[in-house]
């Protein structure tokens, strides 16, 4: 059976890397009800993500590009879930590591 090959642009791969790095560091979490990413406001978690971007950027990228990608994802991420806010639902409590 043939397998579908998905091609992602370099910017999509970089964004996915930045989201994964922020999630792994605990700087962002996913709303369990709606799937939106939310910033946790944890400076230590953000520092861990920035350290990864600076010291271990994705292959083929310099640390300044990796740091910029982290910044772009954070700029697009709020601290509340838009769907929870819209429907008056309580937010999931932040999970601390």
PDB file of N, CA and C in Angstrom:
ATOM      1  N   UNK A   1       0.841  -1.166   0.000  1.00  0.00           N
ATOM      2  CA  UNK A   1       0.000   0.000   0.000  1.00  0.00           C
ATOM      3  C   UNK A   1       0.897   1.244   0.000  1.00  0.00           C
ATOM      4  N   UNK A   2       0.660   2.199  -0.891  1.00  0.00           N
ATOM      5  CA  UNK A   2       1.510   3.384  -0.960  1.00  0.00           C
ATOM      6  C   UNK A   2       1.323   4.268   0.277  1.00  0.00           C
ATOM      7  N   UNK A   3       2.404   4.923   0.629  1.00  0.00           N
ATOM      8  CA  UNK A   3       2.354   5.840   1.768  1.00  0.00           C
ATOM      9  C   UNK A   3       2.370   7.271   1.257  1.00  0.00           C
ATOM     10  N   UNK A   4       1.599   8.091   1.907  1.00  0.00           N
ATOM     11  CA  UNK A   4       1.571   9.510   1.540  1.00  0.00           C
ATOM     12  C   UNK A   4       2.788  10.203   2.153  1.00  0.00           C
ATOM     13  N   UNK A   5       3.444  10.986   1.360  1.00  0.00           N
ATOM     14  CA  UNK A   5       4.587  11.749   1.842  1.00  0.00           C
ATOM     15  C   UNK A   5       4.146  13.196   1.985  1.00  0.00           C
ATOM     16  N   UNK A   6       4.315  13.724   3.173  1.00  0.00           N
ATOM     17  CA  UNK A   6       3.922  15.105   3.429  1.00  0.00           C
ATOM     18  C   UNK A   6       5.169  15.975   3.431  1.00  0.00           C
ATOM     19  N   UNK A   7       5.117  17.018   2.661  1.00  0.00           N
ATOM     20  CA  UNK A   7       6.232  17.957   2.613  1.00  0.00           C
ATOM     21  C   UNK A   7       5.824  19.224   3.348  1.00  0.00           C
ATOM     22  N   UNK A   8       6.639  19.614   4.281  1.00  0.00           N
ATOM     23  CA  UNK A   8       6.392  20.850   5.021  1.00  0.00           C
ATOM     24  C   UNK A   8       7.465  21.848   4.634  1.00  0.00           C
ATOM     25  N   UNK A   9       7.073  23.101   4.565  1.00  0.00           N
ATOM     26  CA  UNK A   9       8.054  24.135   4.247  1.00  0.00           C
ATOM     27  C   UNK A   9       9.001  24.292   5.421  1.00  0.00           C
ATOM     28  N   UNK A  10      10.120  24.918   5.161  1.00  0.00           N
ATOM     29  CA  UNK A  10      11.110  25.144   6.218  1.00  0.00           C
ATOM     30  C   UNK A  10      10.521  25.962   7.351  1.00  0.00           C
ATOM     31  N   UNK A  11       9.679  26.931   7.038  1.00  0.00           N
ATOM     32  CA  UNK A  11       9.088  27.754   8.092  1.00  0.00           C
ATOM     33  C   UNK A  11       8.116  26.941   8.945  1.00  0.00           C
ATOM     34  N   UNK A  12       7.379  26.000   8.331  1.00  0.00           N
ATOM     35  CA  UNK A  12       6.478  25.141   9.093  1.00  0.00           C
ATOM     36  C   UNK A  12       7.258  24.213  10.018  1.00  0.00           C
ATOM     37  N   UNK A  13       8.361  23.664   9.512  1.00  0.00           N
ATOM     38  CA  UNK A  13       9.187  22.791  10.348  1.00  0.00           C
ATOM     39  C   UNK A  13       9.783  23.563  11.512  1.00  0.00           C
ATOM     40  N   UNK A  14      10.227  24.796  11.255  1.00  0.00           N
ATOM     41  CA  UNK A  14      10.805  25.614  12.314  1.00  0.00           C
ATOM     42  C   UNK A  14       9.744  25.964  13.362  1.00  0.00           C
ATOM     43  N   UNK A  15       8.533  26.280  12.913  1.00  0.00           N
ATOM     44  CA  UNK A  15       7.460  26.585  13.860  1.00  0.00           C
ATOM     45  C   UNK A  15       7.128  25.358  14.715  1.00  0.00           C
ATOM     46  N   UNK A  16       7.057  24.185  14.077  1.00  0.00           N
ATOM     47  CA  UNK A  16       6.790  22.956  14.828  1.00  0.00           C
ATOM     48  C   UNK A  16       7.893  22.689  15.842  1.00  0.00           C
ATOM     49  N   UNK A  17       9.147  22.928  15.456  1.00  0.00           N
ATOM     50  CA  UNK A  17      10.263  22.749  16.383  1.00  0.00           C
ATOM     51  C   UNK A  17      10.118  23.708  17.562  1.00  0.00           C
ATOM     52  N   UNK A  18       9.781  24.963  17.291  1.00  0.00           N
ATOM     53  CA  UNK A  18       9.651  25.963  18.356  1.00  0.00           C
ATOM     54  C   UNK A  18       8.519  25.582  19.314  1.00  0.00           C
ATOM     55  N   UNK A  19       7.386  25.144  18.789  1.00  0.00           N
ATOM     56  CA  UNK A  19       6.275  24.724  19.640  1.00  0.00           C
ATOM     57  C   UNK A  19       6.698  23.530  20.494  1.00  0.00           C
ATOM     58  N   UNK A  20       7.339  22.553  19.884  1.00  0.00           N
ATOM     59  CA  UNK A  20       7.777  21.367  20.627  1.00  0.00           C
ATOM     60  C   UNK A  20       8.783  21.742  21.713  1.00  0.00           C
ATOM     61  N   UNK A  21       9.685  22.644  21.402  1.00  0.00           N
ATOM     62  CA  UNK A  21      10.685  23.080  22.377  1.00  0.00           C
ATOM     63  C   UNK A  21      10.032  23.799  23.546  1.00  0.00           C
ATOM     64  N   UNK A  22       9.087  24.690  23.249  1.00  0.00           N
ATOM     65  CA  UNK A  22       8.372  25.410  24.301  1.00  0.00           C
ATOM     66  C   UNK A  22       7.528  24.462  25.153  1.00  0.00           C
ATOM     67  N   UNK A  23       6.892  23.490  24.528  1.00  0.00           N
ATOM     68  CA  UNK A  23       6.087  22.515  25.284  1.00  0.00           C
ATOM     69  C   UNK A  23       6.973  21.660  26.177  1.00  0.00           C
ATOM     70  N   UNK A  24       8.071  21.173  25.617  1.00  0.00           N
ATOM     71  CA  UNK A  24       8.970  20.320  26.396  1.00  0.00           C
ATOM     72  C   UNK A  24       9.557  21.075  27.584  1.00  0.00           C
ATOM     73  N   UNK A  25       9.825  22.355  27.412  1.00  0.00           N
ATOM     74  CA  UNK A  25      10.370  23.172  28.496  1.00  0.00           C
ATOM     75  C   UNK A  25       9.300  23.533  29.523  1.00  0.00           C
ATOM     76  N   UNK A  26       8.024  23.369  29.157  1.00  0.00           N
ATOM     77  CA  UNK A  26       6.928  23.714  30.055  1.00  0.00           C
ATOM     78  C   UNK A  26       6.495  25.162  29.965  1.00  0.00           C
ATOM     79  N   UNK A  27       6.928  25.861  28.920  1.00  0.00           N
ATOM     80  CA  UNK A  27       6.581  27.276  28.758  1.00  0.00           C
ATOM     81  C   UNK A  27       5.180  27.465  28.187  1.00  0.00           C
ATOM     82  N   UNK A  28       4.694  26.481  27.425  1.00  0.00           N
ATOM     83  CA  UNK A  28       3.330  26.532  26.904  1.00  0.00           C
ATOM     84  C   UNK A  28       2.670  25.183  27.167  1.00  0.00           C
ATOM     85  N   UNK A  29       1.353  25.211  27.278  1.00  0.00           N
ATOM     86  CA  UNK A  29       0.575  23.984  27.458  1.00  0.00           C
ATOM     87  C   UNK A  29      -0.608  24.040  26.506  1.00  0.00           C
ATOM     88  N   UNK A  30      -1.186  22.891  26.256  1.00  0.00           N
ATOM     89  CA  UNK A  30      -2.346  22.799  25.372  1.00  0.00           C
ATOM     90  C   UNK A  30      -3.616  22.760  26.210  1.00  0.00           C
ATOM     91  N   UNK A  31      -4.620  23.538  25.817  1.00  0.00           N
ATOM     92  CA  UNK A  31      -5.924  23.463  26.462  1.00  0.00           C
ATOM     93  C   UNK A  31      -6.476  22.064  26.180  1.00  0.00           C
ATOM     94  N   UNK A  32      -6.788  21.337  27.228  1.00  0.00           N
ATOM     95  CA  UNK A  32      -7.242  19.955  27.054  1.00  0.00           C
ATOM     96  C   UNK A  32      -8.605  19.868  26.383  1.00  0.00           C
ATOM     97  N   UNK A  33      -9.403  20.919  26.485  1.00  0.00           N
ATOM     98  CA  UNK A  33     -10.729  20.905  25.867  1.00  0.00           C
ATOM     99  C   UNK A  33     -10.704  21.269  24.392  1.00  0.00           C
ATOM    100  N   UNK A  34      -9.869  22.264  24.026  1.00  0.00           N
ATOM    101  CA  UNK A  34      -9.953  22.825  22.674  1.00  0.00           C
ATOM    102  C   UNK A  34      -8.671  22.727  21.852  1.00  0.00           C
ATOM    103  N   UNK A  35      -7.556  22.426  22.485  1.00  0.00           N
ATOM    104  CA  UNK A  35      -6.315  22.234  21.749  1.00  0.00           C
ATOM    105  C   UNK A  35      -5.475  23.476  21.515  1.00  0.00           C
ATOM    106  N   UNK A  36      -5.944  24.651  21.945  1.00  0.00           N
ATOM    107  CA  UNK A  36      -5.152  25.866  21.773  1.00  0.00           C
ATOM    108  C   UNK A  36      -3.940  25.835  22.696  1.00  0.00           C
ATOM    109  N   UNK A  37      -2.830  26.380  22.232  1.00  0.00           N
ATOM    110  CA  UNK A  37      -1.650  26.511  23.073  1.00  0.00           C
ATOM    111  C   UNK A  37      -1.815  27.756  23.944  1.00  0.00           C
ATOM    112  N   UNK A  38      -1.402  27.637  25.204  1.00  0.00           N
ATOM    113  CA  UNK A  38      -1.457  28.759  26.133  1.00  0.00           C
ATOM    114  C   UNK A  38      -0.092  28.946  26.771  1.00  0.00           C
ATOM    115  N   UNK A  39       0.328  30.190  26.888  1.00  0.00           N
ATOM    116  CA  UNK A  39       1.578  30.503  27.574  1.00  0.00           C
ATOM    117  C   UNK A  39       1.342  30.390  29.074  1.00  0.00           C
ATOM    118  N   UNK A  40       2.268  29.762  29.769  1.00  0.00           N
ATOM    119  CA  UNK A  40       2.109  29.545  31.201  1.00  0.00           C
ATOM    120  C   UNK A  40       2.610  30.711  32.036  1.00  0.00           C
ATOM    121  N   UNK A  41       3.433  31.576  31.491  1.00  0.00           N
ATOM    122  CA  UNK A  41       3.962  32.684  32.272  1.00  0.00           C
ATOM    123  C   UNK A  41       5.014  32.240  33.271  1.00  0.00           C
ATOM    124  N   UNK A  42       5.707  31.173  32.963  1.00  0.00           N
ATOM    125  CA  UNK A  42       6.745  30.636  33.837  1.00  0.00           C
ATOM    126  C   UNK A  42       8.101  31.068  33.295  1.00  0.00           C
ATOM    127  N   UNK A  43       8.760  32.042  33.951  1.00  0.00           N
ATOM    128  CA  UNK A  43      10.035  32.539  33.424  1.00  0.00           C
ATOM    129  C   UNK A  43      11.131  31.480  33.377  1.00  0.00           C
ATOM    130  N   UNK A  44      11.112  30.528  34.309  1.00  0.00           N
ATOM    131  CA  UNK A  44      12.137  29.476  34.292  1.00  0.00           C
ATOM    132  C   UNK A  44      11.942  28.547  33.097  1.00  0.00           C
ATOM    133  N   UNK A  45      10.692  28.233  32.781  1.00  0.00           N
ATOM    134  CA  UNK A  45      10.409  27.385  31.621  1.00  0.00           C
ATOM    135  C   UNK A  45      10.808  28.103  30.335  1.00  0.00           C
ATOM    136  N   UNK A  46      10.513  29.385  30.261  1.00  0.00           N
ATOM    137  CA  UNK A  46      10.910  30.154  29.085  1.00  0.00           C
ATOM    138  C   UNK A  46      12.427  30.195  28.960  1.00  0.00           C
ATOM    139  N   UNK A  47      13.114  30.363  30.070  1.00  0.00           N
ATOM    140  CA  UNK A  47      14.581  30.377  30.045  1.00  0.00           C
ATOM    141  C   UNK A  47      15.130  29.047  29.542  1.00  0.00           C
ATOM    142  N   UNK A  48      14.498  27.926  29.936  1.00  0.00           N
ATOM    143  CA  UNK A  48      14.936  26.614  29.444  1.00  0.00           C
ATOM    144  C   UNK A  48      14.765  26.516  27.928  1.00  0.00           C
ATOM    145  N   UNK A  49      13.628  26.989  27.417  1.00  0.00           N
ATOM    146  CA  UNK A  49      13.381  26.937  25.970  1.00  0.00           C
ATOM    147  C   UNK A  49      14.374  27.816  25.214  1.00  0.00           C
ATOM    148  N   UNK A  50      14.641  28.998  25.738  1.00  0.00           N
ATOM    149  CA  UNK A  50      15.594  29.896  25.084  1.00  0.00           C
ATOM    150  C   UNK A  50      17.005  29.320  25.115  1.00  0.00           C
ATOM    151  N   UNK A  51      17.338  28.634  26.192  1.00  0.00           N
ATOM    152  CA  UNK A  51      18.652  27.995  26.298  1.00  0.00           C
ATOM    153  C   UNK A  51      18.806  26.914  25.225  1.00  0.00           C
ATOM    154  N   UNK A  52      17.756  26.117  25.016  1.00  0.00           N
ATOM    155  CA  UNK A  52      17.792  25.095  23.968  1.00  0.00           C
ATOM    156  C   UNK A  52      17.968  25.753  22.602  1.00  0.00           C
ATOM    157  N   UNK A  53      17.213  26.812  22.352  1.00  0.00           N
ATOM    158  CA  UNK A  53      17.300  27.502  21.055  1.00  0.00           C
ATOM    159  C   UNK A  53      18.697  28.068  20.833  1.00  0.00           C
ATOM    160  N   UNK A  54      19.275  28.605  21.871  1.00  0.00           N
ATOM    161  CA  UNK A  54      20.608  29.208  21.749  1.00  0.00           C
ATOM    162  C   UNK A  54      21.705  28.152  21.614  1.00  0.00           C
ATOM    163  N   UNK A  55      21.612  27.093  22.439  1.00  0.00           N
ATOM    164  CA  UNK A  55      22.703  26.121  22.508  1.00  0.00           C
ATOM    165  C   UNK A  55      22.547  24.916  21.589  1.00  0.00           C
ATOM    166  N   UNK A  56      21.317  24.625  21.153  1.00  0.00           N
ATOM    167  CA  UNK A  56      21.078  23.436  20.335  1.00  0.00           C
ATOM    168  C   UNK A  56      19.986  23.701  19.296  1.00  0.00           C
ATOM    169  N   UNK A  57      20.240  24.655  18.388  1.00  0.00           N
ATOM    170  CA  UNK A  57      19.222  24.959  17.366  1.00  0.00           C
ATOM    171  C   UNK A  57      19.053  23.779  16.409  1.00  0.00           C
ATOM    172  N   UNK A  58      17.951  23.759  15.672  1.00  0.00           N
ATOM    173  CA  UNK A  58      17.750  22.679  14.701  1.00  0.00           C
ATOM    174  C   UNK A  58      18.887  22.654  13.678  1.00  0.00           C
ATOM    175  N   UNK A  59      19.161  21.482  13.120  1.00  0.00           N
ATOM    176  CA  UNK A  59      20.233  21.374  12.127  1.00  0.00           C
ATOM    177  C   UNK A  59      20.044  22.373  10.988  1.00  0.00           C
ATOM    178  N   UNK A  60      21.122  23.039  10.632  1.00  0.00           N
ATOM    179  CA  UNK A  60      21.104  23.977   9.521  1.00  0.00           C
ATOM    180  C   UNK A  60      20.684  25.387   9.891  1.00  0.00           C
ATOM    181  N   UNK A  61      20.375  25.632  11.158  1.00  0.00           N
ATOM    182  CA  UNK A  61      19.965  26.970  11.587  1.00  0.00           C
ATOM    183  C   UNK A  61      20.941  27.519  12.615  1.00  0.00           C
ATOM    184  N   UNK A  62      21.080  28.830  12.595  1.00  0.00           N
ATOM    185  CA  UNK A  62      21.894  29.473  13.623  1.00  0.00           C
ATOM    186  C   UNK A  62      21.015  29.745  14.834  1.00  0.00           C
ATOM    187  N   UNK A  63      21.652  29.999  15.959  1.00  0.00           N
ATOM    188  CA  UNK A  63      20.893  30.198  17.195  1.00  0.00           C
ATOM    189  C   UNK A  63      19.994  31.427  17.123  1.00  0.00           C
ATOM    190  N   UNK A  64      20.400  32.469  16.391  1.00  0.00           N
ATOM    191  CA  UNK A  64      19.548  33.656  16.317  1.00  0.00           C
ATOM    192  C   UNK A  64      18.237  33.353  15.580  1.00  0.00           C
ATOM    193  N   UNK A  65      18.270  32.495  14.567  1.00  0.00           N
ATOM    194  CA  UNK A  65      17.036  32.094  13.882  1.00  0.00           C
ATOM    195  C   UNK A  65      16.152  31.251  14.797  1.00  0.00           C
ATOM    196  N   UNK A  66      16.767  30.366  15.576  1.00  0.00           N
ATOM    197  CA  UNK A  66      16.003  29.537  16.511  1.00  0.00           C
ATOM    198  C   UNK A  66      15.378  30.403  17.599  1.00  0.00           C
ATOM    199  N   UNK A  67      16.116  31.359  18.117  1.00  0.00           N
ATOM    200  CA  UNK A  67      15.584  32.272  19.126  1.00  0.00           C
ATOM    201  C   UNK A  67      14.431  33.097  18.564  1.00  0.00           C
ATOM    202  N   UNK A  68      14.567  33.529  17.319  1.00  0.00           N
ATOM    203  CA  UNK A  68      13.494  34.296  16.677  1.00  0.00           C
ATOM    204  C   UNK A  68      12.234  33.442  16.518  1.00  0.00           C
ATOM    205  N   UNK A  69      12.405  32.170  16.185  1.00  0.00           N
ATOM    206  CA  UNK A  69      11.254  31.272  16.037  1.00  0.00           C
ATOM    207  C   UNK A  69      10.528  31.099  17.368  1.00  0.00           C
ATOM    208  N   UNK A  70      11.274  30.965  18.447  1.00  0.00           N
ATOM    209  CA  UNK A  70      10.667  30.864  19.782  1.00  0.00           C
ATOM    210  C   UNK A  70       9.872  32.142  20.065  1.00  0.00           C
ATOM    211  N   UNK A  71      10.461  33.289  19.763  1.00  0.00           N
ATOM    212  CA  UNK A  71       9.786  34.568  19.988  1.00  0.00           C
ATOM    213  C   UNK A  71       8.515  34.709  19.170  1.00  0.00           C
ATOM    214  N   UNK A  72       8.547  34.249  17.921  1.00  0.00           N
ATOM    215  CA  UNK A  72       7.363  34.345  17.056  1.00  0.00           C
ATOM    216  C   UNK A  72       6.220  33.471  17.568  1.00  0.00           C
ATOM    217  N   UNK A  73       6.552  32.265  18.025  1.00  0.00           N
ATOM    218  CA  UNK A  73       5.506  31.389  18.562  1.00  0.00           C
ATOM    219  C   UNK A  73       4.926  31.997  19.834  1.00  0.00           C
ATOM    220  N   UNK A  74       5.775  32.517  20.703  1.00  0.00           N
ATOM    221  CA  UNK A  74       5.277  33.136  21.935  1.00  0.00           C
ATOM    222  C   UNK A  74       4.409  34.352  21.636  1.00  0.00           C
ATOM    223  N   UNK A  75       4.792  35.144  20.636  1.00  0.00           N
ATOM    224  CA  UNK A  75       4.016  36.336  20.283  1.00  0.00           C
ATOM    225  C   UNK A  75       2.618  35.959  19.788  1.00  0.00           C
ATOM    226  N   UNK A  76       2.484  34.775  19.218  1.00  0.00           N
ATOM    227  CA  UNK A  76       1.198  34.332  18.680  1.00  0.00           C
ATOM    228  C   UNK A  76       0.403  33.503  19.690  1.00  0.00           C
ATOM    229  N   UNK A  77       0.959  33.310  20.888  1.00  0.00           N
ATOM    230  CA  UNK A  77       0.334  32.467  21.899  1.00  0.00           C
ATOM    231  C   UNK A  77      -0.151  33.327  23.056  1.00  0.00           C
ATOM    232  N   UNK A  78      -1.412  33.211  23.386  1.00  0.00           N
ATOM    233  CA  UNK A  78      -1.958  33.958  24.512  1.00  0.00           C
ATOM    234  C   UNK A  78      -1.863  33.163  25.800  1.00  0.00           C
ATOM    235  N   UNK A  79      -2.285  33.796  26.889  1.00  0.00           N
ATOM    236  CA  UNK A  79      -2.256  33.088  28.160  1.00  0.00           C
ATOM    237  C   UNK A  79      -3.614  32.503  28.522  1.00  0.00           C
ATOM    238  N   UNK A  80      -4.581  32.650  27.619  1.00  0.00           N
ATOM    239  CA  UNK A  80      -5.897  32.038  27.812  1.00  0.00           C
ATOM    240  C   UNK A  80      -6.302  31.327  26.532  1.00  0.00           C
ATOM    241  N   UNK A  81      -7.173  30.362  26.664  1.00  0.00           N
ATOM    242  CA  UNK A  81      -7.722  29.664  25.506  1.00  0.00           C
ATOM    243  C   UNK A  81      -8.850  30.508  24.943  1.00  0.00           C
ATOM    244  N   UNK A  82      -8.820  30.875  23.670  1.00  0.00           N
ATOM    245  CA  UNK A  82      -9.883  31.693  23.095  1.00  0.00           C
ATOM    246  C   UNK A  82     -11.263  31.046  23.205  1.00  0.00           C
ATOM    247  N   UNK A  83     -11.332  29.731  23.042  1.00  0.00           N
ATOM    248  CA  UNK A  83     -12.631  29.058  23.110  1.00  0.00           C
ATOM    249  C   UNK A  83     -13.170  29.009  24.535  1.00  0.00           C
ATOM    250  N   UNK A  84     -12.304  28.765  25.514  1.00  0.00           N
ATOM    251  CA  UNK A  84     -12.756  28.774  26.914  1.00  0.00           C
ATOM    252  C   UNK A  84     -13.255  30.170  27.283  1.00  0.00           C
ATOM    253  N   UNK A  85     -12.516  31.198  26.873  1.00  0.00           N
ATOM    254  CA  UNK A  85     -12.892  32.574  27.180  1.00  0.00           C
ATOM    255  C   UNK A  85     -14.218  32.939  26.522  1.00  0.00           C
ATOM    256  N   UNK A  86     -14.397  32.526  25.285  1.00  0.00           N
ATOM    257  CA  UNK A  86     -15.600  32.855  24.517  1.00  0.00           C
ATOM    258  C   UNK A  86     -16.842  32.222  25.121  1.00  0.00           C
ATOM    259  N   UNK A  87     -16.708  31.011  25.622  1.00  0.00           N
ATOM    260  CA  UNK A  87     -17.865  30.282  26.137  1.00  0.00           C
ATOM    261  C   UNK A  87     -17.990  30.353  27.657  1.00  0.00           C
ATOM    262  N   UNK A  88     -17.135  31.134  28.311  1.00  0.00           N
ATOM    263  CA  UNK A  88     -17.203  31.271  29.759  1.00  0.00           C
ATOM    264  C   UNK A  88     -16.826  30.010  30.516  1.00  0.00           C
ATOM    265  N   UNK A  89     -16.071  29.124  29.854  1.00  0.00           N
ATOM    266  CA  UNK A  89     -15.647  27.886  30.501  1.00  0.00           C
ATOM    267  C   UNK A  89     -14.421  28.166  31.368  1.00  0.00           C
ATOM    268  N   UNK A  90     -14.251  27.422  32.458  1.00  0.00           N
ATOM    269  CA  UNK A  90     -13.036  27.599  33.260  1.00  0.00           C
ATOM    270  C   UNK A  90     -11.834  27.083  32.495  1.00  0.00           C
ATOM    271  N   UNK A  91     -10.721  27.745  32.676  1.00  0.00           N
ATOM    272  CA  UNK A  91      -9.471  27.316  32.039  1.00  0.00           C
ATOM    273  C   UNK A  91      -8.948  26.077  32.749  1.00  0.00           C
ATOM    274  N   UNK A  92      -8.226  25.245  32.015  1.00  0.00           N
ATOM    275  CA  UNK A  92      -7.514  24.134  32.649  1.00  0.00           C
ATOM    276  C   UNK A  92      -6.449  24.749  33.547  1.00  0.00           C
ATOM    277  N   UNK A  93      -6.241  24.203  34.735  1.00  0.00           N
ATOM    278  CA  UNK A  93      -5.182  24.759  35.569  1.00  0.00           C
ATOM    279  C   UNK A  93      -3.823  24.501  34.940  1.00  0.00           C
ATOM    280  N   UNK A  94      -2.884  25.448  35.045  1.00  0.00           N
ATOM    281  CA  UNK A  94      -1.561  25.205  34.482  1.00  0.00           C
ATOM    282  C   UNK A  94      -0.879  24.040  35.183  1.00  0.00           C
ATOM    283  N   UNK A  95      -0.157  23.264  34.403  1.00  0.00           N
ATOM    284  CA  UNK A  95       0.573  22.121  34.962  1.00  0.00           C
ATOM    285  C   UNK A  95       2.025  22.506  35.132  1.00  0.00           C
ATOM    286  N   UNK A  96       2.506  22.428  36.329  1.00  0.00           N
ATOM    287  CA  UNK A  96       3.903  22.757  36.604  1.00  0.00           C
ATOM    288  C   UNK A  96       4.683  21.470  36.717  1.00  0.00           C
ATOM    289  N   UNK A  97       5.893  21.508  36.200  1.00  0.00           N
ATOM    290  CA  UNK A  97       6.758  20.332  36.250  1.00  0.00           C
ATOM    291  C   UNK A  97       7.553  20.325  37.522  1.00  0.00           C
TER     292      UNK A  97
END
